[in-house]
Amino acid sequence: MTILYEFHNNLYVNLTNRCPCACTFCLRQTTDHMGDSGSLWLKEEPTAIQVISEFSKFCMPNYNELVFCGFGEPTEALDVLLDVARYVKHTWPSMQIRINTNGLGSLINNRDIAPLFHGLIDLISISLNTPNAERYLELTKSKFGIGSFQAMLDFAHNCTKYVPKVVMSTVSTTITPKEEEQCADLCKQTGATYRIRPFE
């Protein structure tokens, strides 16, 4: 099974296939891999020791970032994520560490997890998708219901206190220019940077 894979000159960590959402646009509905990876469907979730042992197969200084992002929401495997991040920060201090997330990690773990990222995570990228709570639920089908949208915004705001850079993103051409302006305003309110990602 694929635990680590290369994509866009970064090294990605595939920790889990669990996710509280069933997004209508999720790539895993139409493919089983990203880039040159093998199948990202896991037979079992790797332990921190298993993930760390995989690093020996890669030349870590060659990568711009280590990114927690696979076929699942990485904060579903929070303890493993934190253990691996600690190891990487200790072993390669200059390596930037990013989490790509739906922003529902605090709901998943029943507590505010943002403080746990202090000193470990350099960048958190959160899928904002839309400025509207009802539309957000239609798109993501979050098991947490309509409150998911506000929880995601709260998570982003809390992360700005502990993580150097917090980015919230939408995908180009999927929402209107007016909605993009509304997303930019939401990001300003939370303290996050707004990014419009190219459609892939």
N, C-alpha and C. Protein backbone atom coordinates (compact mmCIF):
# COMPACT_ATOMS: atom_id res chain seq x y z
N MET A 1 0.85 -1.19 0.00
CA MET A 1 0.00 0.00 0.00
C MET A 1 0.89 1.24 0.00
N THR A 2 0.36 2.33 -0.53
CA THR A 2 1.13 3.56 -0.67
C THR A 2 0.94 4.44 0.56
N ILE A 3 2.04 4.63 1.29
CA ILE A 3 2.02 5.49 2.47
C ILE A 3 2.58 6.87 2.11
N LEU A 4 3.71 6.87 1.37
CA LEU A 4 4.32 8.12 0.92
C LEU A 4 4.32 8.15 -0.60
N TYR A 5 4.07 9.32 -1.16
CA TYR A 5 4.14 9.45 -2.62
C TYR A 5 4.58 10.86 -3.00
N GLU A 6 5.18 10.97 -4.17
CA GLU A 6 5.69 12.25 -4.66
C GLU A 6 4.66 12.92 -5.55
N PHE A 7 4.55 14.25 -5.40
CA PHE A 7 3.64 15.01 -6.25
C PHE A 7 4.06 16.48 -6.20
N HIS A 8 4.25 17.10 -7.37
CA HIS A 8 4.64 18.51 -7.45
C HIS A 8 5.88 18.83 -6.60
N ASN A 9 6.87 17.98 -6.65
CA ASN A 9 8.14 18.16 -5.92
C ASN A 9 7.96 18.20 -4.40
N ASN A 10 6.84 17.66 -3.93
CA ASN A 10 6.62 17.50 -2.50
C ASN A 10 6.45 16.02 -2.19
N LEU A 11 6.61 15.67 -0.90
CA LEU A 11 6.38 14.30 -0.47
C LEU A 11 5.10 14.28 0.35
N TYR A 12 4.15 13.44 -0.05
CA TYR A 12 2.83 13.38 0.57
C TYR A 12 2.70 12.16 1.47
N VAL A 13 1.97 12.34 2.57
CA VAL A 13 1.76 11.26 3.54
C VAL A 13 0.29 10.86 3.52
N ASN A 14 0.05 9.60 3.19
CA ASN A 14 -1.31 9.04 3.09
C ASN A 14 -1.60 8.27 4.38
N LEU A 15 -2.23 8.92 5.35
CA LEU A 15 -2.40 8.33 6.68
C LEU A 15 -3.66 7.50 6.86
N THR A 16 -4.72 7.88 6.15
CA THR A 16 -6.01 7.27 6.43
C THR A 16 -6.94 7.42 5.23
N ASN A 17 -7.92 6.55 5.13
CA ASN A 17 -8.98 6.70 4.14
C ASN A 17 -10.27 7.19 4.79
N ARG A 18 -10.25 7.40 6.10
CA ARG A 18 -11.43 7.89 6.79
C ARG A 18 -11.66 9.38 6.50
N CYS A 19 -12.91 9.78 6.39
CA CYS A 19 -13.26 11.18 6.18
C CYS A 19 -14.70 11.39 6.58
N PRO A 20 -15.02 12.50 7.26
CA PRO A 20 -16.40 12.75 7.64
C PRO A 20 -17.25 13.31 6.50
N CYS A 21 -16.61 13.55 5.36
CA CYS A 21 -17.31 14.12 4.22
C CYS A 21 -17.37 13.12 3.06
N ALA A 22 -18.30 13.38 2.15
CA ALA A 22 -18.39 12.61 0.90
C ALA A 22 -18.56 13.64 -0.22
N CYS A 23 -17.53 14.46 -0.40
CA CYS A 23 -17.61 15.61 -1.30
C CYS A 23 -17.96 15.18 -2.73
N THR A 24 -18.82 15.94 -3.35
CA THR A 24 -19.28 15.62 -4.69
C THR A 24 -18.15 15.70 -5.71
N PHE A 25 -17.09 16.46 -5.39
CA PHE A 25 -15.99 16.69 -6.32
C PHE A 25 -14.74 15.88 -5.95
N CYS A 26 -14.81 15.03 -4.95
CA CYS A 26 -13.62 14.33 -4.45
C CYS A 26 -13.01 13.43 -5.52
N LEU A 27 -11.70 13.55 -5.69
CA LEU A 27 -10.99 12.78 -6.71
C LEU A 27 -11.09 11.28 -6.48
N ARG A 28 -11.24 10.88 -5.24
CA ARG A 28 -11.21 9.44 -4.98
C ARG A 28 -12.49 8.73 -5.46
N GLN A 29 -13.46 9.52 -5.93
CA GLN A 29 -14.64 8.92 -6.52
C GLN A 29 -14.38 8.45 -7.96
N THR A 30 -13.31 8.98 -8.56
CA THR A 30 -13.06 8.66 -9.96
C THR A 30 -11.68 8.06 -10.24
N THR A 31 -10.80 8.03 -9.22
CA THR A 31 -9.47 7.48 -9.42
C THR A 31 -8.98 6.84 -8.13
N ASP A 32 -7.92 6.05 -8.20
CA ASP A 32 -7.37 5.43 -6.99
C ASP A 32 -5.96 5.92 -6.68
N HIS A 33 -5.51 6.98 -7.39
CA HIS A 33 -4.15 7.43 -7.18
C HIS A 33 -4.03 8.94 -7.45
N MET A 34 -2.87 9.48 -7.09
CA MET A 34 -2.52 10.86 -7.42
C MET A 34 -1.13 10.86 -8.02
N GLY A 35 -0.94 11.62 -9.08
CA GLY A 35 0.38 11.68 -9.69
C GLY A 35 0.88 10.31 -10.07
N ASP A 36 2.10 9.99 -9.64
CA ASP A 36 2.71 8.70 -9.94
C ASP A 36 2.56 7.69 -8.81
N SER A 37 1.68 7.97 -7.87
CA SER A 37 1.51 7.07 -6.74
C SER A 37 0.88 5.76 -7.18
N GLY A 38 1.02 4.74 -6.31
CA GLY A 38 0.22 3.54 -6.47
C GLY A 38 -1.16 3.83 -5.90
N SER A 39 -1.96 2.81 -5.70
CA SER A 39 -3.28 3.01 -5.14
C SER A 39 -3.18 3.62 -3.74
N LEU A 40 -3.98 4.64 -3.50
CA LEU A 40 -3.99 5.30 -2.20
C LEU A 40 -5.04 4.71 -1.25
N TRP A 41 -5.70 3.67 -1.71
CA TRP A 41 -6.60 2.96 -0.80
C TRP A 41 -5.75 2.07 0.11
N LEU A 42 -5.87 2.29 1.41
CA LEU A 42 -5.03 1.59 2.39
C LEU A 42 -5.67 0.28 2.83
N LYS A 43 -4.83 -0.75 3.00
CA LYS A 43 -5.30 -2.01 3.56
C LYS A 43 -5.52 -1.87 5.06
N GLU A 44 -4.69 -1.04 5.66
CA GLU A 44 -4.82 -0.71 7.08
C GLU A 44 -4.13 0.63 7.30
N GLU A 45 -4.50 1.33 8.35
CA GLU A 45 -3.87 2.62 8.62
C GLU A 45 -2.46 2.40 9.17
N PRO A 46 -1.46 3.11 8.61
CA PRO A 46 -0.10 2.92 9.10
C PRO A 46 0.10 3.54 10.47
N THR A 47 0.97 2.93 11.26
CA THR A 47 1.38 3.51 12.53
C THR A 47 2.43 4.57 12.25
N ALA A 48 2.76 5.36 13.26
CA ALA A 48 3.82 6.37 13.10
C ALA A 48 5.13 5.69 12.75
N ILE A 49 5.41 4.54 13.37
CA ILE A 49 6.65 3.82 13.10
C ILE A 49 6.71 3.37 11.64
N GLN A 50 5.58 2.91 11.12
CA GLN A 50 5.55 2.49 9.71
C GLN A 50 5.79 3.67 8.77
N VAL A 51 5.18 4.80 9.07
CA VAL A 51 5.38 5.99 8.24
C VAL A 51 6.84 6.42 8.28
N ILE A 52 7.39 6.51 9.47
CA ILE A 52 8.77 6.97 9.64
C ILE A 52 9.75 6.04 8.92
N SER A 53 9.48 4.74 8.94
CA SER A 53 10.38 3.80 8.27
C SER A 53 10.38 4.00 6.76
N GLU A 54 9.29 4.53 6.21
CA GLU A 54 9.19 4.76 4.77
C GLU A 54 10.10 5.90 4.31
N PHE A 55 10.45 6.81 5.20
CA PHE A 55 11.28 7.95 4.80
C PHE A 55 12.65 7.53 4.27
N SER A 56 13.13 6.36 4.70
CA SER A 56 14.45 5.90 4.25
C SER A 56 14.48 5.61 2.74
N LYS A 57 13.30 5.48 2.13
CA LYS A 57 13.21 5.20 0.70
C LYS A 57 13.30 6.48 -0.15
N PHE A 58 13.32 7.63 0.50
CA PHE A 58 13.27 8.90 -0.21
C PHE A 58 14.42 9.81 0.25
N CYS A 59 14.88 10.67 -0.64
CA CYS A 59 15.91 11.65 -0.30
C CYS A 59 15.19 12.92 0.17
N MET A 60 15.01 13.03 1.46
CA MET A 60 14.15 14.07 2.01
C MET A 60 14.57 15.50 1.64
N PRO A 61 15.87 15.83 1.59
CA PRO A 61 16.23 17.22 1.25
C PRO A 61 15.83 17.63 -0.16
N ASN A 62 15.43 16.68 -0.98
CA ASN A 62 15.02 17.00 -2.36
C ASN A 62 13.63 17.63 -2.44
N TYR A 63 12.85 17.54 -1.36
CA TYR A 63 11.46 17.97 -1.42
C TYR A 63 11.26 19.35 -0.81
N ASN A 64 10.31 20.08 -1.39
CA ASN A 64 9.98 21.41 -0.86
C ASN A 64 9.20 21.31 0.44
N GLU A 65 8.28 20.36 0.49
CA GLU A 65 7.40 20.22 1.65
C GLU A 65 7.08 18.76 1.93
N LEU A 66 6.74 18.49 3.18
CA LEU A 66 6.09 17.24 3.54
C LEU A 66 4.62 17.61 3.75
N VAL A 67 3.73 16.91 3.03
CA VAL A 67 2.31 17.27 3.06
C VAL A 67 1.47 16.10 3.54
N PHE A 68 0.71 16.32 4.59
CA PHE A 68 -0.23 15.30 5.05
C PHE A 68 -1.49 15.45 4.22
N CYS A 69 -1.63 14.55 3.25
CA CYS A 69 -2.75 14.58 2.33
C CYS A 69 -2.78 13.29 1.53
N GLY A 70 -3.86 12.54 1.64
CA GLY A 70 -3.99 11.30 0.88
C GLY A 70 -5.44 11.08 0.53
N PHE A 71 -5.89 9.85 0.60
CA PHE A 71 -7.29 9.54 0.31
C PHE A 71 -8.11 9.49 1.59
N GLY A 72 -8.04 10.56 2.36
CA GLY A 72 -8.77 10.66 3.61
C GLY A 72 -8.43 11.97 4.29
N GLU A 73 -9.12 12.27 5.36
CA GLU A 73 -8.86 13.48 6.14
C GLU A 73 -7.76 13.19 7.15
N PRO A 74 -6.58 13.83 7.02
CA PRO A 74 -5.44 13.47 7.88
C PRO A 74 -5.67 13.64 9.37
N THR A 75 -6.55 14.56 9.78
CA THR A 75 -6.78 14.72 11.22
C THR A 75 -7.62 13.59 11.80
N GLU A 76 -8.11 12.69 10.96
CA GLU A 76 -8.74 11.46 11.46
C GLU A 76 -7.69 10.56 12.13
N ALA A 77 -6.43 10.73 11.75
CA ALA A 77 -5.32 9.97 12.35
C ALA A 77 -4.40 10.96 13.07
N LEU A 78 -4.98 11.76 13.93
CA LEU A 78 -4.28 12.90 14.53
C LEU A 78 -3.02 12.50 15.30
N ASP A 79 -3.08 11.47 16.13
CA ASP A 79 -1.92 11.11 16.94
C ASP A 79 -0.74 10.69 16.06
N VAL A 80 -1.02 9.92 15.02
CA VAL A 80 0.04 9.51 14.10
C VAL A 80 0.60 10.72 13.37
N LEU A 81 -0.26 11.60 12.93
CA LEU A 81 0.17 12.82 12.25
C LEU A 81 1.14 13.61 13.13
N LEU A 82 0.78 13.81 14.37
CA LEU A 82 1.62 14.60 15.28
C LEU A 82 2.95 13.91 15.56
N ASP A 83 2.93 12.59 15.75
CA ASP A 83 4.17 11.86 15.99
C ASP A 83 5.11 11.94 14.80
N VAL A 84 4.56 11.81 13.60
CA VAL A 84 5.38 11.89 12.39
C VAL A 84 5.92 13.30 12.21
N ALA A 85 5.09 14.31 12.45
CA ALA A 85 5.54 15.70 12.33
C ALA A 85 6.68 16.00 13.30
N ARG A 86 6.58 15.48 14.52
CA ARG A 86 7.67 15.69 15.50
C ARG A 86 8.97 15.07 15.01
N TYR A 87 8.87 13.87 14.47
CA TYR A 87 10.06 13.18 13.96
C TYR A 87 10.69 13.98 12.82
N VAL A 88 9.88 14.44 11.91
CA VAL A 88 10.40 15.18 10.76
C VAL A 88 11.03 16.50 11.20
N LYS A 89 10.40 17.21 12.11
CA LYS A 89 10.94 18.48 12.60
C LYS A 89 12.27 18.28 13.31
N HIS A 90 12.40 17.15 14.01
CA HIS A 90 13.64 16.85 14.71
C HIS A 90 14.74 16.43 13.74
N THR A 91 14.38 15.65 12.74
CA THR A 91 15.36 15.07 11.82
C THR A 91 15.75 16.01 10.69
N TRP A 92 14.76 16.74 10.15
CA TRP A 92 15.01 17.70 9.06
C TRP A 92 14.38 19.03 9.45
N PRO A 93 15.02 19.79 10.32
CA PRO A 93 14.41 21.01 10.88
C PRO A 93 13.96 22.03 9.84
N SER A 94 14.61 22.05 8.69
CA SER A 94 14.25 23.06 7.69
C SER A 94 13.09 22.62 6.78
N MET A 95 12.65 21.38 6.92
CA MET A 95 11.55 20.88 6.09
C MET A 95 10.23 21.53 6.47
N GLN A 96 9.56 22.13 5.51
CA GLN A 96 8.25 22.71 5.77
C GLN A 96 7.21 21.59 5.80
N ILE A 97 6.31 21.68 6.78
CA ILE A 97 5.26 20.67 6.93
C ILE A 97 3.90 21.33 6.75
N ARG A 98 3.11 20.73 5.87
CA ARG A 98 1.78 21.25 5.56
C ARG A 98 0.72 20.19 5.81
N ILE A 99 -0.45 20.62 6.22
CA ILE A 99 -1.63 19.74 6.30
C ILE A 99 -2.67 20.26 5.32
N ASN A 100 -3.14 19.40 4.42
CA ASN A 100 -4.30 19.70 3.59
C ASN A 100 -5.51 19.08 4.27
N THR A 101 -6.50 19.90 4.60
CA THR A 101 -7.58 19.43 5.45
C THR A 101 -8.93 20.01 5.05
N ASN A 102 -10.00 19.34 5.45
CA ASN A 102 -11.33 19.91 5.27
C ASN A 102 -11.69 20.87 6.41
N GLY A 103 -10.82 20.96 7.42
CA GLY A 103 -11.05 21.91 8.49
C GLY A 103 -11.99 21.44 9.58
N LEU A 104 -12.34 20.16 9.55
CA LEU A 104 -13.29 19.62 10.54
C LEU A 104 -12.60 18.81 11.64
N GLY A 105 -11.29 18.97 11.75
CA GLY A 105 -10.50 18.17 12.70
C GLY A 105 -10.93 18.32 14.15
N SER A 106 -11.36 19.50 14.54
CA SER A 106 -11.79 19.68 15.93
C SER A 106 -13.12 18.97 16.20
N LEU A 107 -14.00 18.94 15.20
CA LEU A 107 -15.23 18.16 15.33
C LEU A 107 -14.91 16.67 15.39
N ILE A 108 -14.01 16.24 14.54
CA ILE A 108 -13.64 14.82 14.49
C ILE A 108 -13.08 14.36 15.83
N ASN A 109 -12.25 15.20 16.44
CA ASN A 109 -11.55 14.82 17.68
C ASN A 109 -12.21 15.35 18.95
N ASN A 110 -13.37 15.99 18.81
CA ASN A 110 -14.15 16.46 19.96
C ASN A 110 -13.40 17.42 20.87
N ARG A 111 -12.50 18.22 20.28
CA ARG A 111 -11.76 19.23 21.05
C ARG A 111 -11.05 20.15 20.07
N ASP A 112 -10.62 21.30 20.56
CA ASP A 112 -9.85 22.22 19.74
C ASP A 112 -8.44 21.67 19.56
N ILE A 113 -8.12 21.24 18.34
CA ILE A 113 -6.82 20.62 18.10
C ILE A 113 -5.77 21.62 17.62
N ALA A 114 -6.16 22.84 17.34
CA ALA A 114 -5.22 23.82 16.79
C ALA A 114 -3.96 24.00 17.65
N PRO A 115 -4.06 24.08 18.99
CA PRO A 115 -2.84 24.26 19.79
C PRO A 115 -1.80 23.15 19.61
N LEU A 116 -2.24 21.97 19.20
CA LEU A 116 -1.33 20.84 19.05
C LEU A 116 -0.38 21.03 17.87
N PHE A 117 -0.70 21.95 16.98
CA PHE A 117 0.12 22.16 15.79
C PHE A 117 1.27 23.14 16.03
N HIS A 118 1.26 23.79 17.17
CA HIS A 118 2.28 24.81 17.46
C HIS A 118 3.70 24.21 17.41
N GLY A 119 4.56 24.82 16.62
CA GLY A 119 5.94 24.37 16.51
C GLY A 119 6.15 23.16 15.62
N LEU A 120 5.07 22.57 15.12
CA LEU A 120 5.16 21.38 14.27
C LEU A 120 4.72 21.63 12.83
N ILE A 121 3.63 22.36 12.67
CA ILE A 121 3.05 22.56 11.35
C ILE A 121 3.32 23.99 10.89
N ASP A 122 3.80 24.11 9.66
CA ASP A 122 4.14 25.42 9.12
C ASP A 122 3.01 26.03 8.30
N LEU A 123 2.19 25.18 7.71
CA LEU A 123 1.12 25.68 6.85
C LEU A 123 -0.06 24.73 6.91
N ILE A 124 -1.25 25.30 7.04
CA ILE A 124 -2.47 24.51 6.98
C ILE A 124 -3.31 25.04 5.82
N SER A 125 -3.70 24.15 4.92
CA SER A 125 -4.52 24.52 3.78
C SER A 125 -5.90 23.90 3.96
N ILE A 126 -6.91 24.74 4.03
CA ILE A 126 -8.28 24.31 4.33
C ILE A 126 -9.16 24.53 3.11
N SER A 127 -9.95 23.53 2.77
CA SER A 127 -10.89 23.63 1.65
C SER A 127 -12.12 24.41 2.08
N LEU A 128 -12.22 25.66 1.62
CA LEU A 128 -13.36 26.50 1.95
C LEU A 128 -14.55 26.17 1.05
N ASN A 129 -14.29 26.01 -0.22
CA ASN A 129 -15.27 25.56 -1.22
C ASN A 129 -16.33 26.59 -1.62
N THR A 130 -16.93 27.24 -0.64
CA THR A 130 -18.06 28.14 -0.91
C THR A 130 -18.25 29.05 0.30
N PRO A 131 -18.85 30.25 0.12
CA PRO A 131 -19.09 31.12 1.27
C PRO A 131 -20.42 30.87 1.97
N ASN A 132 -21.13 29.84 1.56
CA ASN A 132 -22.49 29.61 2.02
C ASN A 132 -22.61 28.29 2.76
N ALA A 133 -23.14 28.32 3.98
CA ALA A 133 -23.22 27.11 4.82
C ALA A 133 -24.08 26.03 4.19
N GLU A 134 -25.21 26.42 3.62
CA GLU A 134 -26.10 25.44 3.03
C GLU A 134 -25.47 24.79 1.80
N ARG A 135 -24.86 25.62 0.95
CA ARG A 135 -24.19 25.09 -0.23
C ARG A 135 -22.99 24.23 0.16
N TYR A 136 -22.29 24.63 1.23
CA TYR A 136 -21.15 23.85 1.74
C TYR A 136 -21.60 22.44 2.10
N LEU A 137 -22.73 22.33 2.77
CA LEU A 137 -23.22 21.02 3.17
C LEU A 137 -23.64 20.20 1.95
N GLU A 138 -24.23 20.86 0.96
CA GLU A 138 -24.60 20.16 -0.27
C GLU A 138 -23.37 19.57 -0.96
N LEU A 139 -22.29 20.35 -0.98
CA LEU A 139 -21.08 19.93 -1.67
C LEU A 139 -20.31 18.85 -0.91
N THR A 140 -20.22 19.02 0.41
CA THR A 140 -19.35 18.14 1.21
C THR A 140 -20.08 16.94 1.80
N LYS A 141 -21.40 17.07 1.98
CA LYS A 141 -22.19 16.02 2.62
C LYS A 141 -21.57 15.61 3.98
N SER A 142 -21.10 16.59 4.71
CA SER A 142 -20.48 16.34 6.01
C SER A 142 -21.44 15.62 6.96
N LYS A 143 -20.93 14.62 7.64
CA LYS A 143 -21.77 13.88 8.59
C LYS A 143 -22.13 14.73 9.81
N PHE A 144 -21.42 15.87 9.98
CA PHE A 144 -21.68 16.75 11.12
C PHE A 144 -22.79 17.76 10.85
N GLY A 145 -23.32 17.76 9.63
CA GLY A 145 -24.47 18.61 9.34
C GLY A 145 -24.14 20.07 9.10
N ILE A 146 -25.16 20.90 9.23
CA ILE A 146 -25.07 22.30 8.85
C ILE A 146 -24.04 23.08 9.67
N GLY A 147 -23.77 22.62 10.88
CA GLY A 147 -22.78 23.31 11.72
C GLY A 147 -21.35 23.14 11.25
N SER A 148 -21.14 22.30 10.27
CA SER A 148 -19.78 22.03 9.77
C SER A 148 -19.10 23.28 9.23
N PHE A 149 -19.87 24.11 8.54
CA PHE A 149 -19.30 25.30 7.91
C PHE A 149 -18.71 26.25 8.95
N GLN A 150 -19.48 26.56 9.98
CA GLN A 150 -18.97 27.45 11.03
C GLN A 150 -17.82 26.81 11.80
N ALA A 151 -17.90 25.50 12.01
CA ALA A 151 -16.80 24.80 12.70
C ALA A 151 -15.51 24.89 11.90
N MET A 152 -15.63 24.81 10.58
CA MET A 152 -14.46 24.93 9.71
C MET A 152 -13.86 26.33 9.80
N LEU A 153 -14.71 27.36 9.82
CA LEU A 153 -14.22 28.73 9.96
C LEU A 153 -13.57 28.95 11.33
N ASP A 154 -14.17 28.39 12.36
CA ASP A 154 -13.59 28.52 13.71
C ASP A 154 -12.24 27.83 13.78
N PHE A 155 -12.14 26.67 13.16
CA PHE A 155 -10.87 25.94 13.12
C PHE A 155 -9.79 26.78 12.44
N ALA A 156 -10.14 27.38 11.31
CA ALA A 156 -9.18 28.22 10.59
C ALA A 156 -8.70 29.37 11.47
N HIS A 157 -9.64 30.03 12.14
CA HIS A 157 -9.28 31.15 13.01
C HIS A 157 -8.38 30.69 14.16
N ASN A 158 -8.71 29.57 14.77
CA ASN A 158 -7.90 29.06 15.88
C ASN A 158 -6.50 28.69 15.41
N CYS A 159 -6.40 28.14 14.20
CA CYS A 159 -5.09 27.75 13.68
C CYS A 159 -4.17 28.94 13.46
N THR A 160 -4.75 30.11 13.16
CA THR A 160 -3.90 31.29 12.93
C THR A 160 -3.13 31.69 14.19
N LYS A 161 -3.55 31.21 15.35
CA LYS A 161 -2.85 31.52 16.60
C LYS A 161 -1.62 30.65 16.80
N TYR A 162 -1.55 29.52 16.10
CA TYR A 162 -0.50 28.53 16.36
C TYR A 162 0.31 28.13 15.13
N VAL A 163 -0.19 28.41 13.96
CA VAL A 163 0.45 27.99 12.71
C VAL A 163 0.84 29.23 11.91
N PRO A 164 2.09 29.31 11.43
CA PRO A 164 2.54 30.53 10.74
C PRO A 164 1.69 30.95 9.55
N LYS A 165 1.19 29.98 8.79
CA LYS A 165 0.40 30.34 7.62
C LYS A 165 -0.83 29.44 7.51
N VAL A 166 -1.99 30.06 7.41
CA VAL A 166 -3.25 29.35 7.24
C VAL A 166 -3.87 29.84 5.93
N VAL A 167 -4.15 28.92 5.04
CA VAL A 167 -4.71 29.25 3.73
C VAL A 167 -6.08 28.59 3.61
N MET A 168 -7.04 29.33 3.09
CA MET A 168 -8.35 28.76 2.78
C MET A 168 -8.55 28.91 1.28
N SER A 169 -9.05 27.85 0.65
CA SER A 169 -9.07 27.86 -0.81
C SER A 169 -10.41 27.46 -1.40
N THR A 170 -10.63 27.98 -2.61
CA THR A 170 -11.72 27.52 -3.47
C THR A 170 -11.09 27.16 -4.81
N VAL A 171 -11.87 26.51 -5.66
CA VAL A 171 -11.35 26.08 -6.95
C VAL A 171 -11.86 27.00 -8.05
N SER A 172 -10.96 27.44 -8.90
CA SER A 172 -11.28 28.35 -9.99
C SER A 172 -12.41 27.79 -10.85
N THR A 173 -13.33 28.66 -11.23
CA THR A 173 -14.47 28.38 -12.12
C THR A 173 -15.62 27.63 -11.43
N THR A 174 -15.47 27.23 -10.17
CA THR A 174 -16.54 26.45 -9.52
C THR A 174 -17.53 27.34 -8.77
N ILE A 175 -17.16 28.61 -8.51
CA ILE A 175 -18.08 29.55 -7.88
C ILE A 175 -18.01 30.87 -8.65
N THR A 176 -18.94 31.75 -8.40
CA THR A 176 -19.02 33.02 -9.13
C THR A 176 -18.01 34.02 -8.59
N PRO A 177 -17.69 35.06 -9.37
CA PRO A 177 -16.80 36.12 -8.87
C PRO A 177 -17.33 36.76 -7.58
N LYS A 178 -18.65 36.93 -7.47
CA LYS A 178 -19.23 37.50 -6.25
C LYS A 178 -18.97 36.57 -5.06
N GLU A 179 -19.12 35.27 -5.28
CA GLU A 179 -18.87 34.30 -4.21
C GLU A 179 -17.39 34.30 -3.82
N GLU A 180 -16.51 34.49 -4.79
CA GLU A 180 -15.09 34.59 -4.48
C GLU A 180 -14.80 35.80 -3.61
N GLU A 181 -15.50 36.91 -3.88
CA GLU A 181 -15.34 38.10 -3.03
C GLU A 181 -15.82 37.80 -1.61
N GLN A 182 -16.92 37.08 -1.50
CA GLN A 182 -17.44 36.71 -0.18
C GLN A 182 -16.47 35.79 0.55
N CYS A 183 -15.84 34.88 -0.19
CA CYS A 183 -14.84 33.98 0.42
C CYS A 183 -13.64 34.78 0.90
N ALA A 184 -13.23 35.76 0.11
CA ALA A 184 -12.10 36.61 0.50
C ALA A 184 -12.42 37.35 1.79
N ASP A 185 -13.67 37.82 1.93
CA ASP A 185 -14.08 38.51 3.15
C ASP A 185 -14.06 37.56 4.35
N LEU A 186 -14.53 36.33 4.16
CA LEU A 186 -14.51 35.34 5.24
C LEU A 186 -13.08 35.07 5.70
N CYS A 187 -12.17 34.96 4.74
CA CYS A 187 -10.77 34.70 5.07
C CYS A 187 -10.18 35.87 5.85
N LYS A 188 -10.54 37.07 5.46
CA LYS A 188 -10.06 38.26 6.17
C LYS A 188 -10.54 38.23 7.62
N GLN A 189 -11.79 37.82 7.81
CA GLN A 189 -12.35 37.76 9.16
C GLN A 189 -11.66 36.71 10.03
N THR A 190 -11.26 35.60 9.41
CA THR A 190 -10.63 34.52 10.19
C THR A 190 -9.13 34.73 10.35
N GLY A 191 -8.56 35.61 9.52
CA GLY A 191 -7.10 35.83 9.57
C GLY A 191 -6.34 34.92 8.63
N ALA A 192 -7.07 34.20 7.77
CA ALA A 192 -6.43 33.28 6.82
C ALA A 192 -6.18 33.98 5.49
N THR A 193 -5.28 33.40 4.70
CA THR A 193 -5.02 33.86 3.35
C THR A 193 -5.96 33.16 2.39
N TYR A 194 -6.52 33.89 1.46
CA TYR A 194 -7.44 33.30 0.48
C TYR A 194 -6.67 32.91 -0.77
N ARG A 195 -6.93 31.70 -1.27
CA ARG A 195 -6.30 31.22 -2.48
C ARG A 195 -7.34 30.59 -3.40
N ILE A 196 -7.28 30.95 -4.67
CA ILE A 196 -8.13 30.32 -5.68
C ILE A 196 -7.26 29.31 -6.41
N ARG A 197 -7.54 28.01 -6.21
CA ARG A 197 -6.74 26.95 -6.80
C ARG A 197 -7.18 26.70 -8.24
N PRO A 198 -6.24 26.36 -9.11
CA PRO A 198 -6.63 25.98 -10.47
C PRO A 198 -7.39 24.68 -10.45
N PHE A 199 -8.33 24.52 -11.35
CA PHE A 199 -9.09 23.27 -11.46
C PHE A 199 -8.19 22.17 -12.02
N GLU A 200 -8.20 21.00 -11.35
CA GLU A 200 -7.37 19.88 -11.82
C GLU A 200 -8.28 18.71 -12.14
